[in-house]
């Protein structure tokens, strides 16, 4: 089964422009084309796009994703490089998760703060609490 760029766009929730950009940057070297130049995507191409989007979501640059794609094309001789790259991505995501946990703590604190201020009808309740805690 093959898909058009518009079908892939809907399936992957990407714009056709983004998909064309990835192709232009060499991130999708295996996509077939009709004689008129229309791209024909296979399920394996969708899988590749999922990996690209995964790597992008970790903050990886297009240039580094291209290096990964090139390593894949080189075959088994690059398995160690690819493994190490994913270990690095894993560490990066773990750091992002920790940072987001800290962000969530602040958001939860502010939700609690504003909820109690709304219930009291004023923020002054929090200022009074802070003053009394210091004493």
N, C-alpha and C. Protein backbone atom coordinates (compact mmCIF):
# COMPACT_ATOMS: atom_id res chain seq x y z
N UNK A 1 0.84 -1.18 0.00
CA UNK A 1 0.00 0.00 0.00
C UNK A 1 0.89 1.25 0.00
N UNK A 2 0.48 2.24 -0.75
CA UNK A 2 1.21 3.50 -0.78
C UNK A 2 0.26 4.64 -0.41
N UNK A 3 0.88 5.75 0.01
CA UNK A 3 0.13 6.92 0.45
C UNK A 3 0.63 8.15 -0.29
N UNK A 4 -0.26 9.11 -0.47
CA UNK A 4 0.14 10.40 -1.03
C UNK A 4 0.67 11.27 0.11
N UNK A 5 1.29 12.37 -0.25
CA UNK A 5 1.81 13.28 0.77
C UNK A 5 0.67 13.83 1.64
N UNK A 6 -0.49 14.07 1.04
CA UNK A 6 -1.63 14.56 1.82
C UNK A 6 -2.14 13.52 2.80
N UNK A 7 -2.15 12.26 2.39
CA UNK A 7 -2.56 11.18 3.29
C UNK A 7 -1.56 11.05 4.44
N UNK A 8 -0.28 11.11 4.12
CA UNK A 8 0.76 11.03 5.14
C UNK A 8 0.65 12.21 6.10
N UNK A 9 0.37 13.36 5.55
CA UNK A 9 0.20 14.57 6.35
C UNK A 9 -0.88 14.37 7.41
N UNK A 10 -1.99 13.81 7.02
CA UNK A 10 -3.10 13.56 7.96
C UNK A 10 -2.74 12.47 8.95
N UNK A 11 -2.14 11.39 8.48
CA UNK A 11 -1.79 10.27 9.36
C UNK A 11 -0.77 10.70 10.41
N UNK A 12 0.23 11.46 9.98
CA UNK A 12 1.34 11.83 10.85
C UNK A 12 1.13 13.16 11.58
N UNK A 13 0.06 13.86 11.23
CA UNK A 13 -0.19 15.19 11.79
C UNK A 13 0.99 16.13 11.52
N UNK A 14 1.47 16.08 10.29
CA UNK A 14 2.54 16.96 9.82
C UNK A 14 2.02 17.70 8.59
N UNK A 15 2.55 18.87 8.35
CA UNK A 15 2.16 19.57 7.13
C UNK A 15 2.89 18.97 5.94
N UNK A 16 2.29 19.05 4.76
CA UNK A 16 3.01 18.61 3.56
C UNK A 16 4.34 19.36 3.41
N UNK A 17 4.36 20.64 3.79
CA UNK A 17 5.59 21.42 3.73
C UNK A 17 6.69 20.77 4.58
N UNK A 18 6.34 20.34 5.80
CA UNK A 18 7.33 19.70 6.69
C UNK A 18 7.86 18.42 6.06
N UNK A 19 6.97 17.64 5.49
CA UNK A 19 7.39 16.37 4.87
C UNK A 19 8.31 16.65 3.68
N UNK A 20 7.97 17.64 2.88
CA UNK A 20 8.83 18.01 1.75
C UNK A 20 10.19 18.52 2.25
N UNK A 21 10.18 19.28 3.34
CA UNK A 21 11.42 19.79 3.93
C UNK A 21 12.31 18.62 4.38
N UNK A 22 11.72 17.65 5.05
CA UNK A 22 12.50 16.47 5.47
C UNK A 22 13.11 15.78 4.26
N UNK A 23 12.33 15.66 3.20
CA UNK A 23 12.83 15.03 1.98
C UNK A 23 13.98 15.85 1.39
N UNK A 24 13.81 17.16 1.33
CA UNK A 24 14.84 18.06 0.79
C UNK A 24 16.14 17.97 1.60
N UNK A 25 16.00 17.79 2.91
CA UNK A 25 17.16 17.70 3.80
C UNK A 25 17.80 16.31 3.81
N UNK A 26 17.23 15.38 3.06
CA UNK A 26 17.81 14.04 2.96
C UNK A 26 17.41 13.10 4.08
N UNK A 27 16.34 13.42 4.81
CA UNK A 27 15.92 12.58 5.93
C UNK A 27 15.05 11.41 5.47
N UNK A 28 14.58 11.45 4.25
CA UNK A 28 13.71 10.39 3.74
C UNK A 28 14.22 9.91 2.38
N UNK A 29 15.42 9.34 2.35
CA UNK A 29 16.05 9.00 1.06
C UNK A 29 15.39 7.85 0.30
N UNK A 30 14.53 7.10 0.96
CA UNK A 30 13.98 5.91 0.30
C UNK A 30 12.59 6.11 -0.28
N UNK A 31 12.08 7.31 -0.20
CA UNK A 31 10.74 7.55 -0.73
C UNK A 31 10.76 7.44 -2.25
N UNK A 32 9.84 6.64 -2.75
CA UNK A 32 9.74 6.46 -4.21
C UNK A 32 8.97 7.63 -4.81
N UNK A 33 9.16 7.81 -6.11
CA UNK A 33 8.45 8.87 -6.83
C UNK A 33 7.87 8.30 -8.12
N UNK A 34 6.72 8.83 -8.49
CA UNK A 34 6.15 8.52 -9.79
C UNK A 34 6.97 9.26 -10.84
N UNK A 35 6.83 8.91 -12.10
CA UNK A 35 7.57 9.63 -13.15
C UNK A 35 7.34 11.15 -13.15
N UNK A 36 6.16 11.58 -12.68
CA UNK A 36 5.89 13.02 -12.64
C UNK A 36 6.45 13.70 -11.38
N UNK A 37 7.12 12.93 -10.51
CA UNK A 37 7.74 13.49 -9.30
C UNK A 37 6.91 13.37 -8.04
N UNK A 38 5.68 12.91 -8.15
CA UNK A 38 4.82 12.75 -6.97
C UNK A 38 5.40 11.68 -6.05
N UNK A 39 5.49 12.00 -4.78
CA UNK A 39 6.04 11.06 -3.80
C UNK A 39 5.03 9.97 -3.49
N UNK A 40 5.54 8.73 -3.36
CA UNK A 40 4.73 7.59 -2.95
C UNK A 40 5.32 7.05 -1.65
N UNK A 41 4.55 7.12 -0.59
CA UNK A 41 5.01 6.70 0.73
C UNK A 41 4.51 5.30 1.04
N UNK A 42 5.41 4.48 1.60
CA UNK A 42 5.06 3.14 2.06
C UNK A 42 4.98 3.17 3.58
N UNK A 43 4.49 2.08 4.16
CA UNK A 43 4.42 1.98 5.62
C UNK A 43 5.80 2.17 6.26
N UNK A 44 6.84 1.66 5.63
CA UNK A 44 8.20 1.83 6.17
C UNK A 44 8.61 3.30 6.17
N UNK A 45 8.12 4.07 5.21
CA UNK A 45 8.40 5.51 5.19
C UNK A 45 7.71 6.21 6.36
N UNK A 46 6.49 5.77 6.68
CA UNK A 46 5.78 6.32 7.84
C UNK A 46 6.55 6.00 9.11
N UNK A 47 7.07 4.78 9.20
CA UNK A 47 7.88 4.41 10.37
C UNK A 47 9.11 5.31 10.49
N UNK A 48 9.74 5.60 9.37
CA UNK A 48 10.91 6.49 9.38
C UNK A 48 10.52 7.89 9.83
N UNK A 49 9.39 8.38 9.37
CA UNK A 49 8.92 9.70 9.79
C UNK A 49 8.63 9.73 11.30
N UNK A 50 8.13 8.62 11.82
CA UNK A 50 7.88 8.54 13.27
C UNK A 50 9.19 8.65 14.05
N UNK A 51 10.24 8.00 13.56
CA UNK A 51 11.55 8.08 14.22
C UNK A 51 12.08 9.51 14.14
N UNK A 52 11.94 10.13 12.98
CA UNK A 52 12.39 11.51 12.80
C UNK A 52 11.67 12.42 13.78
N UNK A 53 10.37 12.29 13.88
CA UNK A 53 9.60 13.12 14.80
C UNK A 53 9.98 12.83 16.26
N UNK A 54 10.24 11.59 16.57
CA UNK A 54 10.70 11.23 17.92
C UNK A 54 12.01 11.94 18.24
N UNK A 55 12.96 11.85 17.34
CA UNK A 55 14.26 12.48 17.56
C UNK A 55 14.14 13.99 17.65
N UNK A 56 13.29 14.57 16.81
CA UNK A 56 13.06 16.02 16.86
C UNK A 56 12.50 16.43 18.22
N UNK A 57 11.59 15.62 18.75
CA UNK A 57 10.96 15.96 20.03
C UNK A 57 11.95 15.92 21.19
N UNK A 58 13.09 15.28 20.98
CA UNK A 58 14.13 15.26 22.03
C UNK A 58 15.05 16.46 21.92
N UNK A 59 14.82 17.30 20.92
CA UNK A 59 15.66 18.47 20.72
C UNK A 59 16.79 18.25 19.74
N UNK A 60 16.80 17.12 19.08
CA UNK A 60 17.86 16.81 18.13
C UNK A 60 17.72 17.68 16.88
N UNK A 61 18.84 18.17 16.38
CA UNK A 61 18.83 19.02 15.20
C UNK A 61 18.61 18.19 13.93
N UNK A 62 18.14 18.87 12.89
CA UNK A 62 17.95 18.21 11.59
C UNK A 62 19.29 17.65 11.10
N UNK A 63 20.36 18.39 11.30
CA UNK A 63 21.69 17.93 10.87
C UNK A 63 22.06 16.62 11.56
N UNK A 64 21.81 16.53 12.87
CA UNK A 64 22.13 15.30 13.60
C UNK A 64 21.20 14.15 13.21
N UNK A 65 19.95 14.47 12.93
CA UNK A 65 19.03 13.43 12.45
C UNK A 65 19.51 12.92 11.10
N UNK A 66 19.99 13.82 10.26
CA UNK A 66 20.54 13.41 8.96
C UNK A 66 21.73 12.48 9.15
N UNK A 67 22.59 12.79 10.12
CA UNK A 67 23.71 11.88 10.41
C UNK A 67 23.21 10.50 10.78
N UNK A 68 22.17 10.44 11.61
CA UNK A 68 21.58 9.16 12.00
C UNK A 68 21.05 8.42 10.77
N UNK A 69 20.35 9.12 9.89
CA UNK A 69 19.81 8.50 8.67
C UNK A 69 20.96 7.95 7.82
N UNK A 70 22.03 8.72 7.73
CA UNK A 70 23.21 8.26 6.97
C UNK A 70 23.80 7.01 7.61
N UNK A 71 23.88 6.99 8.93
CA UNK A 71 24.42 5.80 9.62
C UNK A 71 23.55 4.58 9.32
N UNK A 72 22.24 4.78 9.31
CA UNK A 72 21.33 3.66 8.99
C UNK A 72 21.63 3.13 7.59
N UNK A 73 21.89 4.03 6.66
CA UNK A 73 22.19 3.63 5.28
C UNK A 73 23.50 2.88 5.19
N UNK A 74 24.43 3.18 6.09
CA UNK A 74 25.73 2.52 6.08
C UNK A 74 25.68 1.08 6.60
N UNK A 75 24.63 0.72 7.30
CA UNK A 75 24.46 -0.66 7.73
C UNK A 75 25.03 -0.96 9.11
N UNK A 76 25.34 -2.24 9.29
CA UNK A 76 25.72 -2.76 10.61
C UNK A 76 26.98 -2.13 11.19
N UNK A 77 27.82 -1.58 10.37
CA UNK A 77 29.07 -0.99 10.89
C UNK A 77 28.81 0.21 11.79
N UNK A 78 27.59 0.75 11.76
CA UNK A 78 27.26 1.93 12.56
C UNK A 78 26.32 1.60 13.72
N UNK A 79 26.12 0.34 14.00
CA UNK A 79 25.20 -0.04 15.08
C UNK A 79 25.61 0.59 16.41
N UNK A 80 26.89 0.56 16.74
CA UNK A 80 27.36 1.13 18.01
C UNK A 80 27.09 2.64 18.07
N UNK A 81 27.35 3.35 16.98
CA UNK A 81 27.09 4.79 16.94
C UNK A 81 25.61 5.08 17.17
N UNK A 82 24.76 4.30 16.51
CA UNK A 82 23.32 4.52 16.64
C UNK A 82 22.84 4.22 18.05
N UNK A 83 23.39 3.16 18.64
CA UNK A 83 23.04 2.80 20.01
C UNK A 83 23.45 3.93 20.97
N UNK A 84 24.66 4.42 20.82
CA UNK A 84 25.15 5.50 21.68
C UNK A 84 24.32 6.77 21.50
N UNK A 85 23.91 7.03 20.27
CA UNK A 85 23.08 8.20 20.01
C UNK A 85 21.75 8.09 20.74
N UNK A 86 21.15 6.90 20.72
CA UNK A 86 19.88 6.73 21.42
C UNK A 86 20.07 6.76 22.93
N UNK A 87 21.19 6.30 23.44
CA UNK A 87 21.46 6.44 24.87
C UNK A 87 21.55 7.92 25.25
N UNK A 88 22.17 8.71 24.40
CA UNK A 88 22.28 10.16 24.62
C UNK A 88 20.89 10.80 24.57
N UNK A 89 20.08 10.40 23.61
CA UNK A 89 18.72 10.93 23.51
C UNK A 89 17.91 10.56 24.75
N UNK A 90 18.10 9.33 25.23
CA UNK A 90 17.39 8.87 26.43
C UNK A 90 17.75 9.75 27.62
N UNK A 91 19.03 10.03 27.79
CA UNK A 91 19.47 10.89 28.89
C UNK A 91 18.89 12.29 28.74
N UNK A 92 18.83 12.78 27.51
CA UNK A 92 18.26 14.09 27.25
C UNK A 92 16.79 14.14 27.63
N UNK A 93 16.05 13.11 27.27
CA UNK A 93 14.62 13.06 27.59
C UNK A 93 14.41 12.94 29.10
N UNK A 94 15.25 12.15 29.76
CA UNK A 94 15.15 12.02 31.21
C UNK A 94 15.36 13.38 31.88
N UNK A 95 16.30 14.16 31.38
CA UNK A 95 16.54 15.51 31.91
C UNK A 95 15.34 16.41 31.65
N UNK A 96 14.74 16.29 30.46
CA UNK A 96 13.54 17.07 30.14
C UNK A 96 12.40 16.71 31.09
N UNK A 97 12.26 15.42 31.38
CA UNK A 97 11.20 14.96 32.29
C UNK A 97 11.41 15.57 33.67
N UNK A 98 12.63 15.55 34.17
CA UNK A 98 12.92 16.13 35.48
C UNK A 98 12.62 17.62 35.49
N UNK A 99 12.98 18.30 34.44
CA UNK A 99 12.70 19.73 34.34
C UNK A 99 11.19 19.97 34.31
N UNK A 100 10.47 19.16 33.58
CA UNK A 100 9.01 19.30 33.53
C UNK A 100 8.37 19.00 34.88
N UNK A 101 8.94 18.08 35.64
CA UNK A 101 8.42 17.80 36.98
C UNK A 101 8.55 19.04 37.87
N UNK A 102 9.68 19.73 37.77
CA UNK A 102 9.86 20.96 38.53
C UNK A 102 8.88 22.03 38.07
N UNK A 103 8.68 22.11 36.77
CA UNK A 103 7.70 23.05 36.23
C UNK A 103 6.31 22.73 36.76
N UNK A 104 5.97 21.45 36.80
CA UNK A 104 4.66 21.02 37.29
C UNK A 104 4.49 21.38 38.77
N UNK A 105 5.54 21.25 39.55
CA UNK A 105 5.45 21.64 40.97
C UNK A 105 5.07 23.11 41.10
N UNK A 106 5.70 23.95 40.31
CA UNK A 106 5.40 25.38 40.36
C UNK A 106 3.96 25.64 39.91
N UNK A 107 3.54 24.98 38.85
CA UNK A 107 2.17 25.16 38.35
C UNK A 107 1.16 24.70 39.39
N UNK A 108 1.42 23.55 40.02
CA UNK A 108 0.51 23.06 41.06
C UNK A 108 0.46 24.04 42.24
N UNK A 109 1.62 24.57 42.61
CA UNK A 109 1.66 25.56 43.69
C UNK A 109 0.82 26.78 43.34
N UNK A 110 0.98 27.29 42.13
CA UNK A 110 0.23 28.47 41.70
C UNK A 110 -1.27 28.17 41.59
N UNK A 111 -1.63 26.98 41.16
CA UNK A 111 -3.05 26.61 41.12
C UNK A 111 -3.63 26.64 42.53
N UNK A 112 -2.90 26.06 43.48
CA UNK A 112 -3.34 26.06 44.87
C UNK A 112 -3.43 27.48 45.42
N UNK A 113 -2.41 28.26 45.12
CA UNK A 113 -2.36 29.67 45.55
C UNK A 113 -3.59 30.42 45.07
N UNK A 114 -3.86 30.35 43.76
CA UNK A 114 -4.97 31.11 43.20
C UNK A 114 -6.32 30.55 43.63
N UNK A 115 -6.42 29.26 43.81
CA UNK A 115 -7.69 28.67 44.27
C UNK A 115 -8.03 29.20 45.65
N UNK A 116 -7.04 29.19 46.56
CA UNK A 116 -7.32 29.68 47.91
C UNK A 116 -7.56 31.19 47.91
N UNK A 117 -6.86 31.92 47.05
CA UNK A 117 -7.09 33.37 46.97
C UNK A 117 -8.50 33.66 46.45
N UNK A 118 -8.94 32.89 45.47
CA UNK A 118 -10.30 33.06 44.94
C UNK A 118 -11.32 32.75 46.03
N UNK A 119 -11.10 31.64 46.75
CA UNK A 119 -12.03 31.27 47.81
C UNK A 119 -12.09 32.34 48.90
N UNK A 120 -10.95 32.96 49.22
CA UNK A 120 -10.90 34.01 50.23
C UNK A 120 -11.34 35.36 49.68
N UNK A 121 -11.36 35.47 48.37
CA UNK A 121 -11.73 36.73 47.74
C UNK A 121 -10.60 37.74 47.69
N UNK A 122 -9.39 37.31 48.02
CA UNK A 122 -8.24 38.21 48.02
C UNK A 122 -6.94 37.43 48.05
N UNK A 123 -5.90 38.05 47.53
CA UNK A 123 -4.56 37.46 47.65
C UNK A 123 -3.94 37.78 49.00
N UNK A 124 -4.53 38.73 49.68
CA UNK A 124 -3.96 39.17 50.96
C UNK A 124 -3.86 38.02 51.96
N UNK A 125 -4.70 37.03 51.82
CA UNK A 125 -4.64 35.88 52.72
C UNK A 125 -3.26 35.23 52.68
N UNK A 126 -2.64 35.21 51.52
CA UNK A 126 -1.32 34.61 51.38
C UNK A 126 -0.25 35.51 51.99
N UNK A 127 -0.43 36.81 51.89
CA UNK A 127 0.53 37.73 52.48
C UNK A 127 0.47 37.66 54.00
N UNK A 128 -0.72 37.49 54.53
CA UNK A 128 -0.87 37.36 55.98
C UNK A 128 -0.20 36.07 56.45
N UNK A 129 -0.39 34.98 55.72
CA UNK A 129 0.22 33.71 56.08
C UNK A 129 1.74 33.82 56.07
N UNK A 130 2.30 34.48 55.07
CA UNK A 130 3.74 34.64 54.98
C UNK A 130 4.28 35.44 56.15
N UNK A 131 3.61 36.50 56.54
CA UNK A 131 4.03 37.33 57.66
C UNK A 131 3.98 36.53 58.94
N UNK A 132 2.90 35.77 59.15
CA UNK A 132 2.78 35.03 60.39
C UNK A 132 3.78 33.88 60.47
N UNK A 133 4.17 33.33 59.34
CA UNK A 133 5.17 32.25 59.32
C UNK A 133 6.53 32.77 59.72
N UNK A 134 6.84 33.99 59.34
CA UNK A 134 8.16 34.57 59.63
C UNK A 134 8.33 34.87 61.11
N UNK A 135 7.27 35.14 61.81
CA UNK A 135 7.37 35.52 63.22
C UNK A 135 7.77 34.40 64.11
